[in-house]
Each structure stands twice: as structure tokens, then as C-alpha cells.
Amino acid sequence: MKRALLSKLVFDLLNQGDKSWIKFMLYKYGNLEIWLPNKNRKISWTYRGLLTTAREIKGNMSITKVHTNCSVWYDPWLFNVPINQMPTYVNVNIDIIQLHVVDFLTHEHWDHDKLSETFPDWLVDHITSLPINYEEEQTEWKWMHNTKGKSLTAAIYDEFRLKDQSNLWPGWPKLWRLNVVPKIAIFLWKYLHGRLPTNSFLYHIGVGPDTPCPLCNLGPETNSHLFQECSFAQ
């Protein structure tokens, strides 16, 4: 449910709504870059949660109409992933990294000659069939799957609930039926999910320094190190 609720906020942020929190996030962090690695470690827990959720659902999002400010290289304006992540043939002599959709338009129509200089014929045919959005000021994102009359949050929840159930390890129900005190079962659950508060885990979620194992000082304090490698812990 948490992922579904955050997903709704992700769409609000991507579509740059008029809410105060969205304006604040855009002012502080800029556009939500879900296809690029995050180089800024100094981000709030709220923004980190939105960014993590956006990257989890990015394969289920698409742009409704091609907007003129779409990045040709970094935005998924042709497929559900950007061109830079597809085995697409492009003219290597043209630097398309800095180009936007507007660079391939002439008088508000696709410029076939410019497109042909950059893309193969089969992709040019696909591009010229796409509608261009001149009415909105920014790109509009949507959930790719049919919501079947449900709210966006409910549709996303159902999508991931079914997927999670199909990948559910049959041992989880047995874990909670073990004849042990609850804190032992919780400890095992955290261990199996890699969520024990080791130095390595705390560092990767941005709340601790990158320090080695405090017992042996021979390697990073991870689950595997503590229970398999560190002679002091064993």
C-alpha cells in the first residue's frame, strides 16, 4: 500500500502539479530524474522515497503525448524506456544527447529530413505517427495499464500485489509459525531481507558513515560478513 500511495505522489511530481509541496520539491531538487543515477546524496527521506518508488514503477509509466521539451536521449518519448537504454540505431555522427523534440520540428510539424539524418527509416515512420502536444507546458505522464475504473492508487496497488504474490517465497508463512519469541522471527525476517542495521546498510540508506566492521576492522559490516566471515562475531 505504501508503494501505491507514493506512486500517486510520483505522478503528481512528474506532471508538476500546482501543489505547494511539488513546487518546493522542484525548487530544491529540480525535475525528478528517474532514468539517471542519483549523484546527490543529500536529499530528504521524503524525496528519497519518491525517487525509489519512481524507479520501481518506471517500466509501467509512459508519456501520453510527445511534448516539445522532451529530451530525445533521456525521456521515454518513443517507448516505455529512453532511447539510450534501447538497442536503437542512430547516427553516431550527430550528438543527440542535448537535443529535444523541438529540434526535429519545423512549423509545428515533424521535419522528415532532420529525422532521417538521425534515425533509421522504420523509426522515422514511427516518430512521424506520434501526436505532438503544444497545449500543455510540460510532459504528461500516465500509468500504462488499464485502471478498469479504479483510482490510480488502487490500480497500482492491485498490480504490484498480484506480482508480489506470484514471486512470494513459500517459506515466509513458515517463518512466522516458528516456535520462537516474536523478536527472533523479526530478526530472521530482517536478516533474510538484508535489513539488519549493519554499518553497510545504514550507509546505503544515507544515515551512517562508510566504516568497516567494528569487531574485526577487516571488511564492510554486511550480513554475510557478520554471519560467515567475521571470526569475532562468530
C-alpha atoms as a PDB file:
ATOM      1  CA  MET A   1       0.000   0.000   0.000  1.00  0.00           C
ATOM      2  CA  LYS A   2       2.863   2.381   0.817  1.00  0.00           C
ATOM      3  CA  ARG A   3       4.292   1.941  -2.688  1.00  0.00           C
ATOM      4  CA  ALA A   4       0.888   2.585  -4.252  1.00  0.00           C
ATOM      5  CA  LEU A   5       0.390   5.773  -2.230  1.00  0.00           C
ATOM      6  CA  LEU A   6       3.876   7.019  -3.095  1.00  0.00           C
ATOM      7  CA  SER A   7       3.268   6.164  -6.754  1.00  0.00           C
ATOM      8  CA  LYS A   8       0.360   8.608  -6.848  1.00  0.00           C
ATOM      9  CA  LEU A   9       2.673  11.317  -5.490  1.00  0.00           C
ATOM     10  CA  VAL A  10       5.313  10.365  -8.072  1.00  0.00           C
ATOM     11  CA  PHE A  11       2.847  11.065 -10.889  1.00  0.00           C
ATOM     12  CA  ASP A  12       1.887  14.365  -9.259  1.00  0.00           C
ATOM     13  CA  LEU A  13       5.549  15.372  -9.130  1.00  0.00           C
ATOM     14  CA  LEU A  14       6.367  14.215 -12.664  1.00  0.00           C
ATOM     15  CA  ASN A  15       3.361  16.077 -14.032  1.00  0.00           C
ATOM     16  CA  GLN A  16       4.371  19.147 -11.989  1.00  0.00           C
ATOM     17  CA  GLY A  17       1.023  19.935 -10.434  1.00  0.00           C
ATOM     18  CA  ASP A  18       0.168  23.190  -8.716  1.00  0.00           C
ATOM     19  CA  LYS A  19       0.522  21.976  -5.121  1.00  0.00           C
ATOM     20  CA  SER A  20       2.887  23.724  -2.717  1.00  0.00           C
ATOM     21  CA  TRP A  21       4.930  20.606  -1.889  1.00  0.00           C
ATOM     22  CA  ILE A  22       5.512  19.964  -5.603  1.00  0.00           C
ATOM     23  CA  LYS A  23       6.784  23.498  -6.152  1.00  0.00           C
ATOM     24  CA  PHE A  24       9.097  23.088  -3.162  1.00  0.00           C
ATOM     25  CA  MET A  25      10.494  19.762  -4.439  1.00  0.00           C
ATOM     26  CA  LEU A  26      11.058  21.173  -7.924  1.00  0.00           C
ATOM     27  CA  TYR A  27      12.765  24.249  -6.497  1.00  0.00           C
ATOM     28  CA  LYS A  28      15.048  22.239  -4.205  1.00  0.00           C
ATOM     29  CA  TYR A  29      15.850  19.201  -6.367  1.00  0.00           C
ATOM     30  CA  GLY A  30      14.751  20.061  -9.907  1.00  0.00           C
ATOM     31  CA  ASN A  31      12.931  17.611 -12.153  1.00  0.00           C
ATOM     32  CA  LEU A  32      12.586  14.040 -10.951  1.00  0.00           C
ATOM     33  CA  GLU A  33      15.275  12.193 -12.945  1.00  0.00           C
ATOM     34  CA  ILE A  34      14.276   8.547 -12.721  1.00  0.00           C
ATOM     35  CA  TRP A  35      16.440   7.307 -15.592  1.00  0.00           C
ATOM     36  CA  LEU A  36      19.713   8.785 -14.364  1.00  0.00           C
ATOM     37  CA  PRO A  37      21.781   7.753 -11.330  1.00  0.00           C
ATOM     38  CA  ASN A  38      21.266   9.995  -8.328  1.00  0.00           C
ATOM     39  CA  LYS A  39      24.523  11.799  -7.588  1.00  0.00           C
ATOM     40  CA  ASN A  40      23.103  13.932  -4.798  1.00  0.00           C
ATOM     41  CA  ARG A  41      23.204  12.012  -1.516  1.00  0.00           C
ATOM     42  CA  LYS A  42      21.932  15.000   0.473  1.00  0.00           C
ATOM     43  CA  ILE A  43      18.231  14.507  -0.144  1.00  0.00           C
ATOM     44  CA  SER A  44      15.356  14.235   2.295  1.00  0.00           C
ATOM     45  CA  TRP A  45      13.755  10.929   3.253  1.00  0.00           C
ATOM     46  CA  THR A  46      10.568  12.025   1.512  1.00  0.00           C
ATOM     47  CA  TYR A  47      12.308  12.747  -1.784  1.00  0.00           C
ATOM     48  CA  ARG A  48      14.365   9.557  -1.482  1.00  0.00           C
ATOM     49  CA  GLY A  49      11.152   7.563  -1.084  1.00  0.00           C
ATOM     50  CA  LEU A  50       9.608   9.217  -4.135  1.00  0.00           C
ATOM     51  CA  LEU A  51      12.740   8.608  -6.199  1.00  0.00           C
ATOM     52  CA  THR A  52      12.951   4.956  -5.150  1.00  0.00           C
ATOM     53  CA  THR A  53       9.273   4.393  -5.923  1.00  0.00           C
ATOM     54  CA  ALA A  54       9.580   6.138  -9.306  1.00  0.00           C
ATOM     55  CA  ARG A  55      12.409   3.813 -10.293  1.00  0.00           C
ATOM     56  CA  GLU A  56      10.390   0.785  -9.195  1.00  0.00           C
ATOM     57  CA  ILE A  57       7.397   1.695 -11.369  1.00  0.00           C
ATOM     58  CA  LYS A  58       9.186   3.405 -14.279  1.00  0.00           C
ATOM     59  CA  GLY A  59       8.636   0.395 -16.542  1.00  0.00           C
ATOM     60  CA  ASN A  60       4.881   0.871 -16.080  1.00  0.00           C
ATOM     61  CA  MET A  61       4.803   4.571 -16.967  1.00  0.00           C
ATOM     62  CA  SER A  62       4.547   6.294 -20.323  1.00  0.00           C
ATOM     63  CA  ILE A  63       4.185   9.773 -21.767  1.00  0.00           C
ATOM     64  CA  THR A  64       0.676  10.482 -23.043  1.00  0.00           C
ATOM     65  CA  LYS A  65       1.709  12.815 -25.859  1.00  0.00           C
ATOM     66  CA  VAL A  66       5.093  13.876 -27.136  1.00  0.00           C
ATOM     67  CA  HIS A  67       5.876  17.335 -25.815  1.00  0.00           C
ATOM     68  CA  THR A  68       8.327  19.660 -27.484  1.00  0.00           C
ATOM     69  CA  ASN A  69      10.537  19.858 -24.381  1.00  0.00           C
ATOM     70  CA  CYS A  70      11.052  16.065 -24.169  1.00  0.00           C
ATOM     71  CA  SER A  71      14.706  15.092 -24.168  1.00  0.00           C
ATOM     72  CA  VAL A  72      15.390  12.944 -27.221  1.00  0.00           C
ATOM     73  CA  TRP A  73      18.020  10.938 -25.355  1.00  0.00           C
ATOM     74  CA  TYR A  74      16.834  10.779 -21.735  1.00  0.00           C
ATOM     75  CA  ASP A  75      12.998  10.790 -21.832  1.00  0.00           C
ATOM     76  CA  PRO A  76      10.861   7.759 -22.802  1.00  0.00           C
ATOM     77  CA  TRP A  77       9.063   9.675 -25.554  1.00  0.00           C
ATOM     78  CA  LEU A  78       9.159   6.829 -28.100  1.00  0.00           C
ATOM     79  CA  PHE A  79       8.992   3.707 -25.934  1.00  0.00           C
ATOM     80  CA  ASN A  80       8.482   2.975 -22.248  1.00  0.00           C
ATOM     81  CA  VAL A  81      12.234   3.454 -21.759  1.00  0.00           C
ATOM     82  CA  PRO A  82      14.547   6.179 -23.124  1.00  0.00           C
ATOM     83  CA  ILE A  83      16.396   5.684 -26.396  1.00  0.00           C
ATOM     84  CA  ASN A  84      19.696   5.478 -24.528  1.00  0.00           C
ATOM     85  CA  GLN A  85      18.521   2.203 -22.979  1.00  0.00           C
ATOM     86  CA  MET A  86      17.310   0.607 -26.213  1.00  0.00           C
ATOM     87  CA  PRO A  87      19.367  -1.054 -28.975  1.00  0.00           C
ATOM     88  CA  THR A  88      18.235   1.662 -31.364  1.00  0.00           C
ATOM     89  CA  TYR A  89      20.211   2.606 -34.434  1.00  0.00           C
ATOM     90  CA  VAL A  90      21.057   6.307 -34.536  1.00  0.00           C
ATOM     91  CA  ASN A  91      23.550   8.355 -36.485  1.00  0.00           C
ATOM     92  CA  VAL A  92      26.654   8.324 -34.300  1.00  0.00           C
ATOM     93  CA  ASN A  93      27.917  11.465 -36.004  1.00  0.00           C
ATOM     94  CA  ILE A  94      25.080  13.504 -34.515  1.00  0.00           C
ATOM     95  CA  ASP A  95      25.189  14.457 -30.838  1.00  0.00           C
ATOM     96  CA  ILE A  96      21.590  13.812 -29.803  1.00  0.00           C
ATOM     97  CA  ILE A  97      22.286  13.903 -26.070  1.00  0.00           C
ATOM     98  CA  GLN A  98      21.500  17.632 -25.887  1.00  0.00           C
ATOM     99  CA  LEU A  99      18.624  17.559 -28.385  1.00  0.00           C
ATOM    100  CA  HIS A 100      14.929  17.918 -27.605  1.00  0.00           C
ATOM    101  CA  VAL A 101      11.866  17.030 -29.650  1.00  0.00           C
ATOM    102  CA  VAL A 102      11.501  20.652 -30.770  1.00  0.00           C
ATOM    103  CA  ASP A 103      14.802  20.302 -32.651  1.00  0.00           C
ATOM    104  CA  PHE A 104      13.100  17.876 -35.043  1.00  0.00           C
ATOM    105  CA  LEU A 105      10.133  20.134 -35.779  1.00  0.00           C
ATOM    106  CA  THR A 106       9.584  22.734 -38.471  1.00  0.00           C
ATOM    107  CA  HIS A 107       6.489  24.921 -38.362  1.00  0.00           C
ATOM    108  CA  GLU A 108       4.979  22.664 -35.674  1.00  0.00           C
ATOM    109  CA  HIS A 109       5.311  19.528 -37.808  1.00  0.00           C
ATOM    110  CA  TRP A 110       7.822  16.706 -37.868  1.00  0.00           C
ATOM    111  CA  ASP A 111      10.762  17.504 -40.137  1.00  0.00           C
ATOM    112  CA  HIS A 112      11.251  14.304 -42.099  1.00  0.00           C
ATOM    113  CA  ASP A 113      14.687  15.320 -43.408  1.00  0.00           C
ATOM    114  CA  LYS A 114      16.072  16.035 -39.915  1.00  0.00           C
ATOM    115  CA  LEU A 115      14.645  12.788 -38.592  1.00  0.00           C
ATOM    116  CA  SER A 116      16.120  10.793 -41.492  1.00  0.00           C
ATOM    117  CA  GLU A 117      19.555  12.200 -40.775  1.00  0.00           C
ATOM    118  CA  THR A 118      19.419  10.787 -37.249  1.00  0.00           C
ATOM    119  CA  PHE A 119      17.154   7.723 -37.194  1.00  0.00           C
ATOM    120  CA  PRO A 120      16.555   4.689 -39.446  1.00  0.00           C
ATOM    121  CA  ASP A 121      13.525   4.682 -41.733  1.00  0.00           C
ATOM    122  CA  TRP A 122      11.448   2.302 -39.577  1.00  0.00           C
ATOM    123  CA  LEU A 123      11.886   4.595 -36.568  1.00  0.00           C
ATOM    124  CA  VAL A 124      11.193   7.741 -38.602  1.00  0.00           C
ATOM    125  CA  ASP A 125       7.845   6.234 -39.647  1.00  0.00           C
ATOM    126  CA  HIS A 126       7.030   5.564 -36.017  1.00  0.00           C
ATOM    127  CA  ILE A 127       8.043   9.055 -34.873  1.00  0.00           C
ATOM    128  CA  THR A 128       6.025  10.861 -37.536  1.00  0.00           C
ATOM    129  CA  SER A 129       2.914   8.961 -36.444  1.00  0.00           C
ATOM    130  CA  LEU A 130       3.138  10.380 -32.914  1.00  0.00           C
ATOM    131  CA  PRO A 131       0.939  13.343 -31.945  1.00  0.00           C
ATOM    132  CA  ILE A 132       2.730  16.421 -30.631  1.00  0.00           C
ATOM    133  CA  ASN A 133       1.420  18.230 -27.572  1.00  0.00           C
ATOM    134  CA  TYR A 134       1.508  22.009 -27.963  1.00  0.00           C
ATOM    135  CA  GLU A 135      -1.223  22.784 -25.441  1.00  0.00           C
ATOM    136  CA  GLU A 136       0.411  21.786 -22.171  1.00  0.00           C
ATOM    137  CA  GLU A 137       3.508  23.428 -20.762  1.00  0.00           C
ATOM    138  CA  GLN A 138       5.179  20.168 -19.736  1.00  0.00           C
ATOM    139  CA  THR A 139       5.152  16.468 -20.443  1.00  0.00           C
ATOM    140  CA  GLU A 140       2.248  14.466 -19.026  1.00  0.00           C
ATOM    141  CA  TRP A 141       2.893  11.008 -17.605  1.00  0.00           C
ATOM    142  CA  LYS A 142       0.348   8.236 -17.115  1.00  0.00           C
ATOM    143  CA  TRP A 143       0.064   4.673 -15.777  1.00  0.00           C
ATOM    144  CA  MET A 144       0.409   2.325 -18.743  1.00  0.00           C
ATOM    145  CA  HIS A 145      -2.114  -0.279 -17.612  1.00  0.00           C
ATOM    146  CA  ASN A 146      -5.883  -0.037 -17.731  1.00  0.00           C
ATOM    147  CA  THR A 147      -7.171   1.108 -14.340  1.00  0.00           C
ATOM    148  CA  LYS A 148     -10.555  -0.574 -15.029  1.00  0.00           C
ATOM    149  CA  GLY A 149     -12.454   2.263 -13.386  1.00  0.00           C
ATOM    150  CA  LYS A 150     -10.350   2.191 -10.220  1.00  0.00           C
ATOM    151  CA  SER A 151      -8.458   5.085  -8.751  1.00  0.00           C
ATOM    152  CA  LEU A 152      -4.800   5.328  -9.741  1.00  0.00           C
ATOM    153  CA  THR A 153      -3.666   4.308  -6.258  1.00  0.00           C
ATOM    154  CA  ALA A 154      -5.941   1.252  -6.210  1.00  0.00           C
ATOM    155  CA  ALA A 155      -4.862   0.166  -9.706  1.00  0.00           C
ATOM    156  CA  ILE A 156      -1.163   0.395  -8.823  1.00  0.00           C
ATOM    157  CA  TYR A 157      -1.745  -1.467  -5.548  1.00  0.00           C
ATOM    158  CA  ASP A 158      -3.519  -4.329  -7.336  1.00  0.00           C
ATOM    159  CA  GLU A 159      -0.802  -4.514  -9.997  1.00  0.00           C
ATOM    160  CA  PHE A 160       2.024  -4.950  -7.519  1.00  0.00           C
ATOM    161  CA  ARG A 161       0.013  -7.075  -5.082  1.00  0.00           C
ATOM    162  CA  LEU A 162      -0.542  -9.702  -7.767  1.00  0.00           C
ATOM    163  CA  LYS A 163       3.094  -9.502  -8.852  1.00  0.00           C
ATOM    164  CA  ASP A 164       4.371  -9.799  -5.293  1.00  0.00           C
ATOM    165  CA  GLN A 165       2.138 -12.791  -4.629  1.00  0.00           C
ATOM    166  CA  SER A 166       3.413 -14.571  -7.745  1.00  0.00           C
ATOM    167  CA  ASN A 167       7.002 -14.107  -6.525  1.00  0.00           C
ATOM    168  CA  LEU A 168       6.261 -14.953  -2.898  1.00  0.00           C
ATOM    169  CA  TRP A 169       8.695 -17.396  -1.323  1.00  0.00           C
ATOM    170  CA  PRO A 170       6.692 -20.277   0.226  1.00  0.00           C
ATOM    171  CA  GLY A 171       8.941 -20.195   3.277  1.00  0.00           C
ATOM    172  CA  TRP A 172       7.672 -16.835   4.569  1.00  0.00           C
ATOM    173  CA  PRO A 173       4.478 -18.224   6.179  1.00  0.00           C
ATOM    174  CA  LYS A 174       6.581 -20.918   7.867  1.00  0.00           C
ATOM    175  CA  LEU A 175       8.874 -18.259   9.307  1.00  0.00           C
ATOM    176  CA  TRP A 176       6.019 -16.645  11.224  1.00  0.00           C
ATOM    177  CA  ARG A 177       4.857 -20.034  12.517  1.00  0.00           C
ATOM    178  CA  LEU A 178       8.201 -20.910  14.087  1.00  0.00           C
ATOM    179  CA  ASN A 179       8.040 -21.760  17.788  1.00  0.00           C
ATOM    180  CA  VAL A 180      10.230 -18.817  18.817  1.00  0.00           C
ATOM    181  CA  VAL A 181       9.659 -15.496  20.523  1.00  0.00           C
ATOM    182  CA  PRO A 182       8.476 -12.756  18.112  1.00  0.00           C
ATOM    183  CA  LYS A 183      11.728 -10.780  18.240  1.00  0.00           C
ATOM    184  CA  ILE A 184      13.632 -13.810  16.896  1.00  0.00           C
ATOM    185  CA  ALA A 185      11.228 -14.156  13.973  1.00  0.00           C
ATOM    186  CA  ILE A 186      11.532 -10.428  13.259  1.00  0.00           C
ATOM    187  CA  PHE A 187      15.326 -10.704  13.411  1.00  0.00           C
ATOM    188  CA  LEU A 188      15.281 -13.563  10.887  1.00  0.00           C
ATOM    189  CA  TRP A 189      12.929 -11.604   8.623  1.00  0.00           C
ATOM    190  CA  LYS A 190      15.277  -8.602   8.670  1.00  0.00           C
ATOM    191  CA  TYR A 191      18.283 -10.827   8.022  1.00  0.00           C
ATOM    192  CA  LEU A 192      16.676 -12.564   5.038  1.00  0.00           C
ATOM    193  CA  HIS A 193      15.598  -9.200   3.598  1.00  0.00           C
ATOM    194  CA  GLY A 194      19.004  -7.599   4.186  1.00  0.00           C
ATOM    195  CA  ARG A 195      17.516  -5.063   6.585  1.00  0.00           C
ATOM    196  CA  LEU A 196      19.621  -5.572   9.692  1.00  0.00           C
ATOM    197  CA  PRO A 197      21.075  -2.220  10.846  1.00  0.00           C
ATOM    198  CA  THR A 198      24.654  -3.029   9.856  1.00  0.00           C
ATOM    199  CA  ASN A 199      27.101  -0.242   9.030  1.00  0.00           C
ATOM    200  CA  SER A 200      26.848  -1.122   5.339  1.00  0.00           C
ATOM    201  CA  PHE A 201      23.037  -0.998   5.336  1.00  0.00           C
ATOM    202  CA  LEU A 202      22.913   2.304   7.248  1.00  0.00           C
ATOM    203  CA  TYR A 203      25.441   3.821   4.851  1.00  0.00           C
ATOM    204  CA  HIS A 204      23.465   2.837   1.775  1.00  0.00           C
ATOM    205  CA  ILE A 205      20.284   4.432   3.116  1.00  0.00           C
ATOM    206  CA  GLY A 206      22.202   7.600   3.944  1.00  0.00           C
ATOM    207  CA  VAL A 207      22.136   7.583   7.746  1.00  0.00           C
ATOM    208  CA  GLY A 208      25.625   6.405   8.648  1.00  0.00           C
ATOM    209  CA  PRO A 209      29.298   6.599   7.624  1.00  0.00           C
ATOM    210  CA  ASP A 210      31.012   4.065   5.388  1.00  0.00           C
ATOM    211  CA  THR A 211      33.043   2.376   8.141  1.00  0.00           C
ATOM    212  CA  PRO A 212      34.374  -1.202   8.324  1.00  0.00           C
ATOM    213  CA  CYS A 213      33.266  -3.887  10.751  1.00  0.00           C
ATOM    214  CA  PRO A 214      33.794  -2.555  14.318  1.00  0.00           C
ATOM    215  CA  LEU A 215      34.706  -6.046  15.559  1.00  0.00           C
ATOM    216  CA  CYS A 216      37.483  -7.079  13.176  1.00  0.00           C
ATOM    217  CA  ASN A 217      38.027  -3.949  11.079  1.00  0.00           C
ATOM    218  CA  LEU A 218      38.779  -6.197   8.086  1.00  0.00           C
ATOM    219  CA  GLY A 219      35.824  -5.504   5.813  1.00  0.00           C
ATOM    220  CA  PRO A 220      32.447  -3.782   5.467  1.00  0.00           C
ATOM    221  CA  GLU A 221      29.912  -4.790   8.090  1.00  0.00           C
ATOM    222  CA  THR A 222      27.343  -6.631   5.963  1.00  0.00           C
ATOM    223  CA  ASN A 223      25.045  -9.542   6.784  1.00  0.00           C
ATOM    224  CA  SER A 224      27.306 -12.040   5.052  1.00  0.00           C
ATOM    225  CA  HIS A 225      30.399 -10.641   6.771  1.00  0.00           C
ATOM    226  CA  LEU A 226      28.898 -10.859  10.248  1.00  0.00           C
ATOM    227  CA  PHE A 227      27.484 -14.375   9.941  1.00  0.00           C
ATOM    228  CA  GLN A 228      30.007 -16.008   7.602  1.00  0.00           C
ATOM    229  CA  GLU A 229      33.334 -14.148   7.613  1.00  0.00           C
ATOM    230  CA  CYS A 230      33.938 -12.221  10.828  1.00  0.00           C
ATOM    231  CA  SER A 231      35.703 -14.506  13.338  1.00  0.00           C
ATOM    232  CA  PHE A 232      34.848 -12.179  16.245  1.00  0.00           C
ATOM    233  CA  ALA A 233      31.104 -12.232  15.524  1.00  0.00           C
ATOM    234  CA  GLN A 234      31.073 -15.990  15.182  1.00  0.00           C
END
